[in-house]
Amino acid sequence: MKLISRFSNKLGKTSLLVPVVSVLSVVGPVVTVSGGFWDAVSHLLREPEFFWTIQHITVYFGVSLITVAAIIGIFLLLQNSISSSLKTGIKLVIAGAATQLVSGFGDSISHELYGIDGLISWSHQPLEIGLVLGSLGGFLILKNIEHTRLGLLLPFSIISFIFFTVWLGFNLILIFGHTIQCIPVYEIFSSGCAIL
């Protein structure tokens, strides 16, 4: 606890950390998905696939942003210095970051064992669930501080949350209808809808 109080004194007021968590938890998933789409385009262009590509590094950077938000969120929860209305958002950010970290490690193993994978894989859908949780958490935090200048990010956070949710839904539908629906996806992602 002494370490936490020293850390708290160095960082200043807790009220300064909440906006950092909100911004990182909104921007992180957007960076992650941007890297994911870039990776999909590289599949279309048939570029060599290996785990440490610049596209994957972009994805990792986005996950790192939300992970930093989660670490600060854990600090805020341990300090017990935030209102109860913010706790739900912070817990969702933490859950989203943890889900992405675990499934990212799973994706690494998948690439090592199977090489290039498809849009639907046992490691991609949990990553997407983590994106949805993290962006929902960021939205809830922003909703609680919307009276500040960060309230301008609120529409952006709503749009990104809706987009991630629809994207996850689309991918989950592919699991059940992959025979018909994956034919065009095969051309885009060059490996089809391989379900590992």
N, C-alpha and C. Protein backbone atom coordinates (compact mmCIF):
# COMPACT_ATOMS: atom_id res chain seq x y z
N MET A 1 0.81 -1.20 0.00
CA MET A 1 0.00 0.00 0.00
C MET A 1 0.86 1.27 0.00
N LYS A 2 2.07 1.19 0.60
CA LYS A 2 2.94 2.36 0.60
C LYS A 2 3.35 2.70 -0.83
N LEU A 3 3.59 1.66 -1.63
CA LEU A 3 3.96 1.88 -3.02
C LEU A 3 2.84 2.59 -3.77
N ILE A 4 1.60 2.16 -3.52
CA ILE A 4 0.46 2.79 -4.18
C ILE A 4 0.31 4.24 -3.77
N SER A 5 0.48 4.53 -2.48
CA SER A 5 0.35 5.93 -2.04
C SER A 5 1.48 6.79 -2.58
N ARG A 6 2.69 6.24 -2.70
CA ARG A 6 3.79 7.00 -3.32
C ARG A 6 3.48 7.28 -4.78
N PHE A 7 2.99 6.25 -5.47
CA PHE A 7 2.61 6.40 -6.87
C PHE A 7 1.52 7.45 -7.02
N SER A 8 0.57 7.43 -6.09
CA SER A 8 -0.53 8.39 -6.11
C SER A 8 -0.01 9.82 -5.93
N ASN A 9 0.91 10.00 -5.00
CA ASN A 9 1.45 11.34 -4.76
C ASN A 9 2.20 11.85 -5.97
N LYS A 10 2.92 10.96 -6.67
CA LYS A 10 3.68 11.39 -7.83
C LYS A 10 2.78 11.75 -9.00
N LEU A 11 1.71 11.02 -9.16
CA LEU A 11 0.82 11.27 -10.30
C LEU A 11 -0.16 12.41 -10.06
N GLY A 12 -0.34 12.76 -8.82
CA GLY A 12 -1.27 13.84 -8.55
C GLY A 12 -2.66 13.30 -8.27
N LYS A 13 -3.64 14.12 -8.53
CA LYS A 13 -5.01 13.77 -8.20
C LYS A 13 -5.54 12.65 -9.09
N THR A 14 -6.41 11.86 -8.51
CA THR A 14 -7.06 10.78 -9.24
C THR A 14 -7.88 11.31 -10.39
N SER A 15 -8.43 12.50 -10.22
CA SER A 15 -9.28 13.08 -11.26
C SER A 15 -8.52 13.30 -12.56
N LEU A 16 -7.20 13.36 -12.51
CA LEU A 16 -6.41 13.50 -13.72
C LEU A 16 -6.22 12.16 -14.43
N LEU A 17 -6.32 11.07 -13.69
CA LEU A 17 -6.10 9.75 -14.27
C LEU A 17 -7.33 9.22 -15.00
N VAL A 18 -8.51 9.59 -14.56
CA VAL A 18 -9.74 9.10 -15.19
C VAL A 18 -9.81 9.51 -16.66
N PRO A 19 -9.52 10.77 -17.01
CA PRO A 19 -9.51 11.12 -18.43
C PRO A 19 -8.48 10.33 -19.25
N VAL A 20 -7.33 10.02 -18.65
CA VAL A 20 -6.31 9.23 -19.35
C VAL A 20 -6.87 7.85 -19.66
N VAL A 21 -7.52 7.24 -18.68
CA VAL A 21 -8.13 5.92 -18.89
C VAL A 21 -9.16 5.98 -20.00
N SER A 22 -10.00 7.02 -19.99
CA SER A 22 -11.06 7.12 -20.99
C SER A 22 -10.49 7.28 -22.40
N VAL A 23 -9.50 8.13 -22.56
CA VAL A 23 -8.92 8.36 -23.89
C VAL A 23 -8.22 7.10 -24.39
N LEU A 24 -7.41 6.47 -23.54
CA LEU A 24 -6.69 5.27 -23.96
C LEU A 24 -7.65 4.12 -24.30
N SER A 25 -8.74 4.01 -23.54
CA SER A 25 -9.67 2.91 -23.78
C SER A 25 -10.56 3.15 -25.00
N VAL A 26 -10.62 4.38 -25.48
CA VAL A 26 -11.35 4.66 -26.72
C VAL A 26 -10.40 4.57 -27.92
N VAL A 27 -9.20 5.12 -27.79
CA VAL A 27 -8.25 5.14 -28.91
C VAL A 27 -7.62 3.76 -29.13
N GLY A 28 -7.31 3.04 -28.04
CA GLY A 28 -6.66 1.73 -28.15
C GLY A 28 -7.38 0.75 -29.07
N PRO A 29 -8.68 0.52 -28.88
CA PRO A 29 -9.38 -0.40 -29.78
C PRO A 29 -9.40 0.06 -31.24
N VAL A 30 -9.48 1.37 -31.46
CA VAL A 30 -9.48 1.88 -32.84
C VAL A 30 -8.14 1.59 -33.51
N VAL A 31 -7.05 1.79 -32.78
CA VAL A 31 -5.72 1.48 -33.32
C VAL A 31 -5.61 -0.02 -33.59
N THR A 32 -6.12 -0.83 -32.67
CA THR A 32 -6.07 -2.29 -32.84
C THR A 32 -6.79 -2.72 -34.10
N VAL A 33 -8.00 -2.22 -34.30
CA VAL A 33 -8.78 -2.61 -35.48
C VAL A 33 -8.15 -2.06 -36.75
N SER A 34 -7.57 -0.88 -36.69
CA SER A 34 -6.88 -0.34 -37.85
C SER A 34 -5.74 -1.25 -38.28
N GLY A 35 -4.97 -1.73 -37.31
CA GLY A 35 -3.91 -2.69 -37.61
C GLY A 35 -4.46 -3.99 -38.15
N GLY A 36 -5.62 -4.41 -37.63
CA GLY A 36 -6.25 -5.64 -38.11
C GLY A 36 -6.70 -5.52 -39.56
N PHE A 37 -7.28 -4.38 -39.92
CA PHE A 37 -7.70 -4.17 -41.31
C PHE A 37 -6.48 -4.08 -42.23
N TRP A 38 -5.44 -3.43 -41.75
CA TRP A 38 -4.21 -3.34 -42.52
C TRP A 38 -3.66 -4.75 -42.77
N ASP A 39 -3.72 -5.59 -41.75
CA ASP A 39 -3.28 -6.98 -41.89
C ASP A 39 -4.14 -7.71 -42.93
N ALA A 40 -5.45 -7.45 -42.92
CA ALA A 40 -6.35 -8.08 -43.89
C ALA A 40 -5.99 -7.66 -45.32
N VAL A 41 -5.65 -6.38 -45.49
CA VAL A 41 -5.26 -5.90 -46.82
C VAL A 41 -3.97 -6.58 -47.26
N SER A 42 -3.04 -6.77 -46.32
CA SER A 42 -1.79 -7.46 -46.68
C SER A 42 -2.06 -8.91 -47.07
N HIS A 43 -3.09 -9.52 -46.47
CA HIS A 43 -3.48 -10.87 -46.89
C HIS A 43 -3.98 -10.84 -48.34
N LEU A 44 -4.78 -9.81 -48.64
CA LEU A 44 -5.32 -9.67 -50.00
C LEU A 44 -4.18 -9.49 -51.02
N LEU A 45 -3.17 -8.76 -50.63
CA LEU A 45 -2.02 -8.51 -51.52
C LEU A 45 -1.03 -9.67 -51.50
N ARG A 46 -1.35 -10.69 -50.72
CA ARG A 46 -0.53 -11.90 -50.62
C ARG A 46 0.90 -11.59 -50.16
N GLU A 47 1.01 -10.63 -49.26
CA GLU A 47 2.32 -10.33 -48.69
C GLU A 47 2.72 -11.46 -47.74
N PRO A 48 4.01 -11.67 -47.54
CA PRO A 48 4.44 -12.74 -46.63
C PRO A 48 3.85 -12.54 -45.24
N GLU A 49 3.43 -13.64 -44.65
CA GLU A 49 2.77 -13.58 -43.34
C GLU A 49 3.68 -14.16 -42.27
N PHE A 50 3.97 -13.38 -41.26
CA PHE A 50 4.63 -13.87 -40.07
C PHE A 50 4.13 -13.03 -38.92
N PHE A 51 4.37 -13.47 -37.71
CA PHE A 51 3.71 -12.85 -36.56
C PHE A 51 4.18 -11.43 -36.29
N TRP A 52 5.44 -11.11 -36.50
CA TRP A 52 5.96 -9.78 -36.17
C TRP A 52 5.97 -8.86 -37.39
N THR A 53 4.86 -8.73 -38.08
CA THR A 53 4.73 -7.77 -39.17
C THR A 53 4.38 -6.40 -38.59
N ILE A 54 4.56 -5.35 -39.39
CA ILE A 54 4.22 -4.00 -38.93
C ILE A 54 2.72 -3.90 -38.64
N GLN A 55 1.92 -4.65 -39.39
CA GLN A 55 0.48 -4.65 -39.16
C GLN A 55 0.16 -5.23 -37.78
N HIS A 56 0.83 -6.34 -37.46
CA HIS A 56 0.61 -6.94 -36.14
C HIS A 56 1.14 -6.04 -35.04
N ILE A 57 2.25 -5.38 -35.27
CA ILE A 57 2.80 -4.46 -34.27
C ILE A 57 1.82 -3.32 -34.00
N THR A 58 1.13 -2.86 -35.05
CA THR A 58 0.10 -1.83 -34.86
C THR A 58 -1.02 -2.37 -33.97
N VAL A 59 -1.42 -3.61 -34.20
CA VAL A 59 -2.43 -4.24 -33.35
C VAL A 59 -1.93 -4.29 -31.90
N TYR A 60 -0.67 -4.69 -31.71
CA TYR A 60 -0.12 -4.80 -30.36
C TYR A 60 -0.05 -3.43 -29.68
N PHE A 61 0.25 -2.41 -30.47
CA PHE A 61 0.30 -1.05 -29.90
C PHE A 61 -1.08 -0.65 -29.38
N GLY A 62 -2.13 -0.94 -30.16
CA GLY A 62 -3.49 -0.64 -29.72
C GLY A 62 -3.85 -1.40 -28.45
N VAL A 63 -3.47 -2.67 -28.41
CA VAL A 63 -3.73 -3.47 -27.21
C VAL A 63 -2.92 -2.91 -26.03
N SER A 64 -1.71 -2.43 -26.29
CA SER A 64 -0.90 -1.84 -25.23
C SER A 64 -1.56 -0.60 -24.65
N LEU A 65 -2.18 0.21 -25.52
CA LEU A 65 -2.87 1.41 -25.02
C LEU A 65 -3.98 1.04 -24.05
N ILE A 66 -4.79 0.06 -24.43
CA ILE A 66 -5.89 -0.32 -23.54
C ILE A 66 -5.36 -1.04 -22.30
N THR A 67 -4.22 -1.71 -22.42
CA THR A 67 -3.62 -2.35 -21.26
C THR A 67 -3.12 -1.31 -20.26
N VAL A 68 -2.52 -0.23 -20.77
CA VAL A 68 -2.11 0.86 -19.88
C VAL A 68 -3.33 1.46 -19.20
N ALA A 69 -4.42 1.63 -19.95
CA ALA A 69 -5.66 2.13 -19.36
C ALA A 69 -6.13 1.19 -18.25
N ALA A 70 -6.03 -0.12 -18.48
CA ALA A 70 -6.46 -1.09 -17.48
C ALA A 70 -5.57 -1.04 -16.23
N ILE A 71 -4.27 -0.88 -16.43
CA ILE A 71 -3.35 -0.80 -15.28
C ILE A 71 -3.67 0.43 -14.43
N ILE A 72 -3.90 1.56 -15.09
CA ILE A 72 -4.28 2.77 -14.35
C ILE A 72 -5.64 2.55 -13.68
N GLY A 73 -6.55 1.86 -14.38
CA GLY A 73 -7.86 1.55 -13.81
C GLY A 73 -7.75 0.69 -12.56
N ILE A 74 -6.86 -0.29 -12.59
CA ILE A 74 -6.65 -1.13 -11.40
C ILE A 74 -6.14 -0.28 -10.25
N PHE A 75 -5.22 0.62 -10.55
CA PHE A 75 -4.70 1.54 -9.55
C PHE A 75 -5.84 2.37 -8.94
N LEU A 76 -6.72 2.89 -9.80
CA LEU A 76 -7.84 3.70 -9.32
C LEU A 76 -8.79 2.88 -8.45
N LEU A 77 -9.03 1.64 -8.85
CA LEU A 77 -9.92 0.78 -8.05
C LEU A 77 -9.28 0.45 -6.70
N LEU A 78 -7.96 0.19 -6.69
CA LEU A 78 -7.28 -0.11 -5.43
C LEU A 78 -7.27 1.10 -4.50
N GLN A 79 -7.18 2.28 -5.08
CA GLN A 79 -7.19 3.51 -4.27
C GLN A 79 -8.58 3.78 -3.71
N ASN A 80 -9.59 3.17 -4.35
CA ASN A 80 -10.98 3.38 -3.94
C ASN A 80 -11.31 4.87 -3.92
N SER A 81 -10.81 5.58 -4.93
CA SER A 81 -10.97 7.04 -4.95
C SER A 81 -11.86 7.53 -6.08
N ILE A 82 -12.60 6.62 -6.69
CA ILE A 82 -13.47 7.02 -7.79
C ILE A 82 -14.92 6.72 -7.42
N SER A 83 -15.80 7.43 -8.07
CA SER A 83 -17.22 7.22 -7.79
C SER A 83 -17.67 5.87 -8.31
N SER A 84 -18.73 5.37 -7.73
CA SER A 84 -19.22 4.04 -8.11
C SER A 84 -19.70 4.02 -9.56
N SER A 85 -20.11 5.17 -10.08
CA SER A 85 -20.57 5.21 -11.47
C SER A 85 -19.44 4.98 -12.46
N LEU A 86 -18.20 5.28 -12.06
CA LEU A 86 -17.04 5.05 -12.93
C LEU A 86 -16.51 3.62 -12.83
N LYS A 87 -16.82 2.94 -11.75
CA LYS A 87 -16.24 1.62 -11.51
C LYS A 87 -16.63 0.62 -12.59
N THR A 88 -17.87 0.65 -13.05
CA THR A 88 -18.31 -0.30 -14.08
C THR A 88 -17.50 -0.12 -15.35
N GLY A 89 -17.33 1.12 -15.79
CA GLY A 89 -16.56 1.38 -16.99
C GLY A 89 -15.11 0.92 -16.85
N ILE A 90 -14.52 1.19 -15.71
CA ILE A 90 -13.13 0.80 -15.49
C ILE A 90 -13.00 -0.73 -15.44
N LYS A 91 -13.95 -1.40 -14.82
CA LYS A 91 -13.91 -2.86 -14.77
C LYS A 91 -14.05 -3.46 -16.17
N LEU A 92 -14.86 -2.85 -17.02
CA LEU A 92 -15.00 -3.33 -18.40
C LEU A 92 -13.70 -3.12 -19.18
N VAL A 93 -13.04 -2.00 -18.95
CA VAL A 93 -11.74 -1.75 -19.60
C VAL A 93 -10.73 -2.81 -19.17
N ILE A 94 -10.70 -3.12 -17.88
CA ILE A 94 -9.78 -4.14 -17.36
C ILE A 94 -10.10 -5.50 -17.97
N ALA A 95 -11.39 -5.85 -18.01
CA ALA A 95 -11.79 -7.15 -18.59
C ALA A 95 -11.44 -7.21 -20.08
N GLY A 96 -11.66 -6.10 -20.80
CA GLY A 96 -11.33 -6.06 -22.22
C GLY A 96 -9.85 -6.22 -22.47
N ALA A 97 -9.03 -5.55 -21.67
CA ALA A 97 -7.58 -5.65 -21.82
C ALA A 97 -7.11 -7.07 -21.51
N ALA A 98 -7.62 -7.65 -20.43
CA ALA A 98 -7.22 -9.01 -20.06
C ALA A 98 -7.61 -10.00 -21.15
N THR A 99 -8.79 -9.85 -21.70
CA THR A 99 -9.25 -10.75 -22.76
C THR A 99 -8.36 -10.63 -23.98
N GLN A 100 -8.00 -9.40 -24.35
CA GLN A 100 -7.14 -9.19 -25.51
C GLN A 100 -5.74 -9.75 -25.28
N LEU A 101 -5.20 -9.59 -24.09
CA LEU A 101 -3.86 -10.10 -23.81
C LEU A 101 -3.82 -11.63 -23.88
N VAL A 102 -4.81 -12.27 -23.28
CA VAL A 102 -4.84 -13.73 -23.29
C VAL A 102 -5.04 -14.26 -24.71
N SER A 103 -6.00 -13.68 -25.44
CA SER A 103 -6.25 -14.17 -26.79
C SER A 103 -5.14 -13.74 -27.76
N GLY A 104 -4.44 -12.66 -27.48
CA GLY A 104 -3.29 -12.28 -28.29
C GLY A 104 -2.18 -13.31 -28.17
N PHE A 105 -1.96 -13.80 -26.94
CA PHE A 105 -0.99 -14.87 -26.74
C PHE A 105 -1.46 -16.13 -27.49
N GLY A 106 -2.76 -16.39 -27.43
CA GLY A 106 -3.32 -17.52 -28.18
C GLY A 106 -3.13 -17.36 -29.68
N ASP A 107 -3.27 -16.13 -30.16
CA ASP A 107 -3.07 -15.86 -31.59
C ASP A 107 -1.62 -16.11 -31.99
N SER A 108 -0.69 -15.76 -31.10
CA SER A 108 0.73 -16.03 -31.34
C SER A 108 0.97 -17.53 -31.50
N ILE A 109 0.39 -18.31 -30.60
CA ILE A 109 0.53 -19.77 -30.67
C ILE A 109 -0.09 -20.28 -31.96
N SER A 110 -1.26 -19.74 -32.31
CA SER A 110 -1.95 -20.15 -33.53
C SER A 110 -1.10 -19.89 -34.77
N HIS A 111 -0.47 -18.73 -34.84
CA HIS A 111 0.39 -18.40 -35.98
C HIS A 111 1.60 -19.33 -36.03
N GLU A 112 2.14 -19.66 -34.86
CA GLU A 112 3.30 -20.55 -34.82
C GLU A 112 2.92 -21.96 -35.30
N LEU A 113 1.75 -22.43 -34.90
CA LEU A 113 1.35 -23.80 -35.23
C LEU A 113 0.76 -23.93 -36.63
N TYR A 114 -0.08 -22.93 -37.03
CA TYR A 114 -0.85 -23.07 -38.26
C TYR A 114 -0.47 -22.07 -39.35
N GLY A 115 0.37 -21.11 -39.05
CA GLY A 115 0.69 -20.08 -40.04
C GLY A 115 -0.45 -19.09 -40.15
N ILE A 116 -0.72 -18.67 -41.37
CA ILE A 116 -1.78 -17.69 -41.60
C ILE A 116 -3.12 -18.30 -41.19
N ASP A 117 -3.94 -17.50 -40.57
CA ASP A 117 -5.24 -18.00 -40.16
C ASP A 117 -6.34 -17.18 -40.84
N GLY A 118 -7.54 -17.62 -40.66
CA GLY A 118 -8.67 -16.97 -41.32
C GLY A 118 -9.30 -15.91 -40.44
N LEU A 119 -10.35 -15.33 -40.97
CA LEU A 119 -11.11 -14.32 -40.24
C LEU A 119 -11.70 -14.91 -38.97
N ILE A 120 -12.16 -16.14 -39.07
CA ILE A 120 -12.75 -16.82 -37.93
C ILE A 120 -11.70 -17.79 -37.37
N SER A 121 -11.29 -17.56 -36.16
CA SER A 121 -10.36 -18.48 -35.51
C SER A 121 -10.60 -18.41 -34.01
N TRP A 122 -10.09 -19.41 -33.32
CA TRP A 122 -10.33 -19.48 -31.88
C TRP A 122 -9.67 -18.34 -31.12
N SER A 123 -8.73 -17.65 -31.74
CA SER A 123 -8.07 -16.53 -31.05
C SER A 123 -8.58 -15.16 -31.49
N HIS A 124 -9.18 -15.06 -32.67
CA HIS A 124 -9.64 -13.75 -33.14
C HIS A 124 -10.93 -13.28 -32.46
N GLN A 125 -11.88 -14.18 -32.27
CA GLN A 125 -13.14 -13.76 -31.69
C GLN A 125 -13.00 -13.28 -30.24
N PRO A 126 -12.19 -13.94 -29.39
CA PRO A 126 -11.96 -13.37 -28.06
C PRO A 126 -11.30 -11.99 -28.12
N LEU A 127 -10.39 -11.79 -29.09
CA LEU A 127 -9.80 -10.46 -29.26
C LEU A 127 -10.88 -9.43 -29.53
N GLU A 128 -11.83 -9.80 -30.38
CA GLU A 128 -12.92 -8.88 -30.72
C GLU A 128 -13.84 -8.64 -29.53
N ILE A 129 -14.06 -9.67 -28.72
CA ILE A 129 -14.85 -9.48 -27.50
C ILE A 129 -14.14 -8.49 -26.58
N GLY A 130 -12.81 -8.60 -26.48
CA GLY A 130 -12.04 -7.65 -25.68
C GLY A 130 -12.16 -6.24 -26.20
N LEU A 131 -12.19 -6.08 -27.53
CA LEU A 131 -12.38 -4.75 -28.12
C LEU A 131 -13.74 -4.17 -27.72
N VAL A 132 -14.76 -5.00 -27.79
CA VAL A 132 -16.11 -4.54 -27.44
C VAL A 132 -16.17 -4.14 -25.97
N LEU A 133 -15.62 -4.98 -25.09
CA LEU A 133 -15.63 -4.66 -23.66
C LEU A 133 -14.86 -3.38 -23.36
N GLY A 134 -13.65 -3.27 -23.94
CA GLY A 134 -12.84 -2.08 -23.69
C GLY A 134 -13.48 -0.80 -24.20
N SER A 135 -14.05 -0.86 -25.41
CA SER A 135 -14.67 0.35 -25.96
C SER A 135 -15.95 0.70 -25.20
N LEU A 136 -16.69 -0.31 -24.73
CA LEU A 136 -17.88 -0.02 -23.91
C LEU A 136 -17.45 0.63 -22.60
N GLY A 137 -16.38 0.12 -21.99
CA GLY A 137 -15.87 0.73 -20.77
C GLY A 137 -15.45 2.17 -20.99
N GLY A 138 -14.74 2.42 -22.10
CA GLY A 138 -14.34 3.80 -22.42
C GLY A 138 -15.53 4.71 -22.60
N PHE A 139 -16.57 4.20 -23.27
CA PHE A 139 -17.80 4.98 -23.45
C PHE A 139 -18.43 5.32 -22.10
N LEU A 140 -18.54 4.32 -21.21
CA LEU A 140 -19.17 4.57 -19.91
C LEU A 140 -18.37 5.57 -19.08
N ILE A 141 -17.05 5.50 -19.18
CA ILE A 141 -16.23 6.47 -18.45
C ILE A 141 -16.44 7.86 -19.02
N LEU A 142 -16.42 7.97 -20.35
CA LEU A 142 -16.65 9.28 -20.99
C LEU A 142 -18.03 9.82 -20.66
N LYS A 143 -19.01 8.94 -20.60
CA LYS A 143 -20.38 9.37 -20.28
C LYS A 143 -20.42 10.01 -18.89
N ASN A 144 -19.59 9.50 -17.98
CA ASN A 144 -19.55 10.06 -16.63
C ASN A 144 -18.79 11.37 -16.54
N ILE A 145 -17.94 11.66 -17.52
CA ILE A 145 -17.18 12.92 -17.48
C ILE A 145 -17.50 13.77 -18.72
N GLU A 146 -18.70 13.59 -19.27
CA GLU A 146 -19.05 14.29 -20.51
C GLU A 146 -19.13 15.80 -20.36
N HIS A 147 -19.22 16.30 -19.15
CA HIS A 147 -19.27 17.74 -18.94
C HIS A 147 -17.91 18.41 -19.12
N THR A 148 -16.87 17.62 -19.29
CA THR A 148 -15.54 18.17 -19.54
C THR A 148 -15.30 18.26 -21.05
N ARG A 149 -14.13 18.74 -21.43
CA ARG A 149 -13.80 18.83 -22.86
C ARG A 149 -13.73 17.45 -23.51
N LEU A 150 -13.48 16.43 -22.73
CA LEU A 150 -13.43 15.07 -23.28
C LEU A 150 -14.79 14.59 -23.74
N GLY A 151 -15.83 15.30 -23.37
CA GLY A 151 -17.16 14.96 -23.84
C GLY A 151 -17.25 14.99 -25.36
N LEU A 152 -16.33 15.70 -26.00
CA LEU A 152 -16.29 15.74 -27.47
C LEU A 152 -15.97 14.36 -28.06
N LEU A 153 -15.31 13.50 -27.28
CA LEU A 153 -15.00 12.15 -27.74
C LEU A 153 -16.18 11.19 -27.64
N LEU A 154 -17.24 11.62 -26.96
CA LEU A 154 -18.37 10.73 -26.72
C LEU A 154 -18.99 10.19 -28.01
N PRO A 155 -19.28 11.02 -29.03
CA PRO A 155 -19.83 10.46 -30.28
C PRO A 155 -18.87 9.47 -30.94
N PHE A 156 -17.59 9.77 -30.91
CA PHE A 156 -16.59 8.87 -31.48
C PHE A 156 -16.60 7.53 -30.75
N SER A 157 -16.72 7.57 -29.42
CA SER A 157 -16.72 6.33 -28.64
C SER A 157 -17.99 5.53 -28.91
N ILE A 158 -19.11 6.19 -29.12
CA ILE A 158 -20.36 5.48 -29.44
C ILE A 158 -20.23 4.79 -30.79
N ILE A 159 -19.73 5.51 -31.78
CA ILE A 159 -19.59 4.94 -33.12
C ILE A 159 -18.62 3.76 -33.11
N SER A 160 -17.50 3.90 -32.41
CA SER A 160 -16.53 2.80 -32.39
C SER A 160 -17.11 1.59 -31.65
N PHE A 161 -17.83 1.80 -30.55
CA PHE A 161 -18.45 0.67 -29.85
C PHE A 161 -19.46 -0.04 -30.74
N ILE A 162 -20.29 0.71 -31.44
CA ILE A 162 -21.27 0.10 -32.34
C ILE A 162 -20.56 -0.67 -33.45
N PHE A 163 -19.52 -0.07 -34.02
CA PHE A 163 -18.78 -0.74 -35.09
C PHE A 163 -18.18 -2.06 -34.60
N PHE A 164 -17.53 -2.04 -33.43
CA PHE A 164 -16.90 -3.26 -32.92
C PHE A 164 -17.94 -4.33 -32.62
N THR A 165 -19.09 -3.92 -32.12
CA THR A 165 -20.14 -4.88 -31.80
C THR A 165 -20.70 -5.50 -33.08
N VAL A 166 -20.93 -4.68 -34.11
CA VAL A 166 -21.44 -5.20 -35.38
C VAL A 166 -20.40 -6.11 -36.03
N TRP A 167 -19.12 -5.73 -35.97
CA TRP A 167 -18.06 -6.55 -36.54
C TRP A 167 -17.99 -7.91 -35.85
N LEU A 168 -18.08 -7.92 -34.52
CA LEU A 168 -18.09 -9.18 -33.78
C LEU A 168 -19.30 -10.01 -34.17
N GLY A 169 -20.46 -9.36 -34.27
CA GLY A 169 -21.68 -10.08 -34.69
C GLY A 169 -21.53 -10.69 -36.07
N PHE A 170 -20.95 -9.93 -37.00
CA PHE A 170 -20.73 -10.43 -38.36
C PHE A 170 -19.85 -11.68 -38.33
N ASN A 171 -18.77 -11.61 -37.57
CA ASN A 171 -17.86 -12.74 -37.50
C ASN A 171 -18.48 -13.95 -36.82
N LEU A 172 -19.31 -13.71 -35.81
CA LEU A 172 -19.98 -14.83 -35.16
C LEU A 172 -21.00 -15.47 -36.09
N ILE A 173 -21.66 -14.67 -36.93
CA ILE A 173 -22.59 -15.22 -37.93
C ILE A 173 -21.85 -16.11 -38.92
N LEU A 174 -20.62 -15.71 -39.28
CA LEU A 174 -19.83 -16.51 -40.21
C LEU A 174 -19.54 -17.92 -39.66
N ILE A 175 -19.45 -18.04 -38.34
CA ILE A 175 -19.20 -19.35 -37.76
C ILE A 175 -20.33 -20.32 -38.14
N PHE A 176 -21.57 -19.82 -38.11
CA PHE A 176 -22.72 -20.69 -38.35
C PHE A 176 -23.07 -20.81 -39.83
N GLY A 177 -22.72 -19.83 -40.64
CA GLY A 177 -23.05 -19.88 -42.06
C GLY A 177 -21.83 -19.82 -42.94
N HIS A 178 -20.73 -20.39 -42.48
CA HIS A 178 -19.45 -20.21 -43.17
C HIS A 178 -19.40 -20.80 -44.58
N THR A 179 -20.17 -21.81 -44.89
CA THR A 179 -20.08 -22.43 -46.21
C THR A 179 -20.47 -21.45 -47.30
N ILE A 180 -21.58 -20.77 -47.13
CA ILE A 180 -22.06 -19.84 -48.16
C ILE A 180 -21.40 -18.47 -48.01
N GLN A 181 -21.34 -17.98 -46.78
CA GLN A 181 -20.91 -16.61 -46.57
C GLN A 181 -19.40 -16.43 -46.68
N CYS A 182 -18.63 -17.48 -46.57
CA CYS A 182 -17.18 -17.33 -46.57
C CYS A 182 -16.58 -17.31 -47.97
N ILE A 183 -17.37 -17.57 -48.99
CA ILE A 183 -16.81 -17.57 -50.34
C ILE A 183 -16.20 -16.22 -50.69
N PRO A 184 -16.93 -15.09 -50.53
CA PRO A 184 -16.27 -13.80 -50.81
C PRO A 184 -15.19 -13.46 -49.78
N VAL A 185 -15.36 -13.91 -48.54
CA VAL A 185 -14.38 -13.62 -47.52
C VAL A 185 -13.07 -14.31 -47.84
N TYR A 186 -13.14 -15.47 -48.50
CA TYR A 186 -11.93 -16.19 -48.86
C TYR A 186 -11.02 -15.32 -49.72
N GLU A 187 -11.59 -14.62 -50.68
CA GLU A 187 -10.79 -13.76 -51.55
C GLU A 187 -10.16 -12.61 -50.79
N ILE A 188 -10.88 -12.06 -49.84
CA ILE A 188 -10.38 -10.90 -49.10
C ILE A 188 -9.30 -11.29 -48.11
N PHE A 189 -9.49 -12.37 -47.40
CA PHE A 189 -8.56 -12.74 -46.34
C PHE A 189 -7.60 -13.85 -46.74
N SER A 190 -7.65 -14.29 -47.96
CA SER A 190 -6.74 -15.23 -48.60
C SER A 190 -6.62 -16.59 -47.92
N SER A 191 -7.23 -16.73 -46.77
CA SER A 191 -7.20 -18.03 -46.12
C SER A 191 -8.60 -18.51 -45.80
N GLY A 192 -9.56 -17.76 -46.24
CA GLY A 192 -10.95 -18.18 -46.01
C GLY A 192 -11.35 -18.05 -44.58
N CYS A 193 -12.32 -18.80 -44.22
CA CYS A 193 -12.87 -18.75 -42.88
C CYS A 193 -12.47 -20.00 -42.12
N ALA A 194 -11.19 -20.26 -42.09
CA ALA A 194 -10.71 -21.45 -41.40
C ALA A 194 -11.07 -21.35 -39.92
N ILE A 195 -11.78 -22.33 -39.45
CA ILE A 195 -12.13 -22.35 -38.04
C ILE A 195 -11.19 -23.32 -37.37
N LEU A 196 -10.32 -22.78 -36.52
CA LEU A 196 -9.29 -23.62 -35.88
C LEU A 196 -9.83 -24.15 -34.57
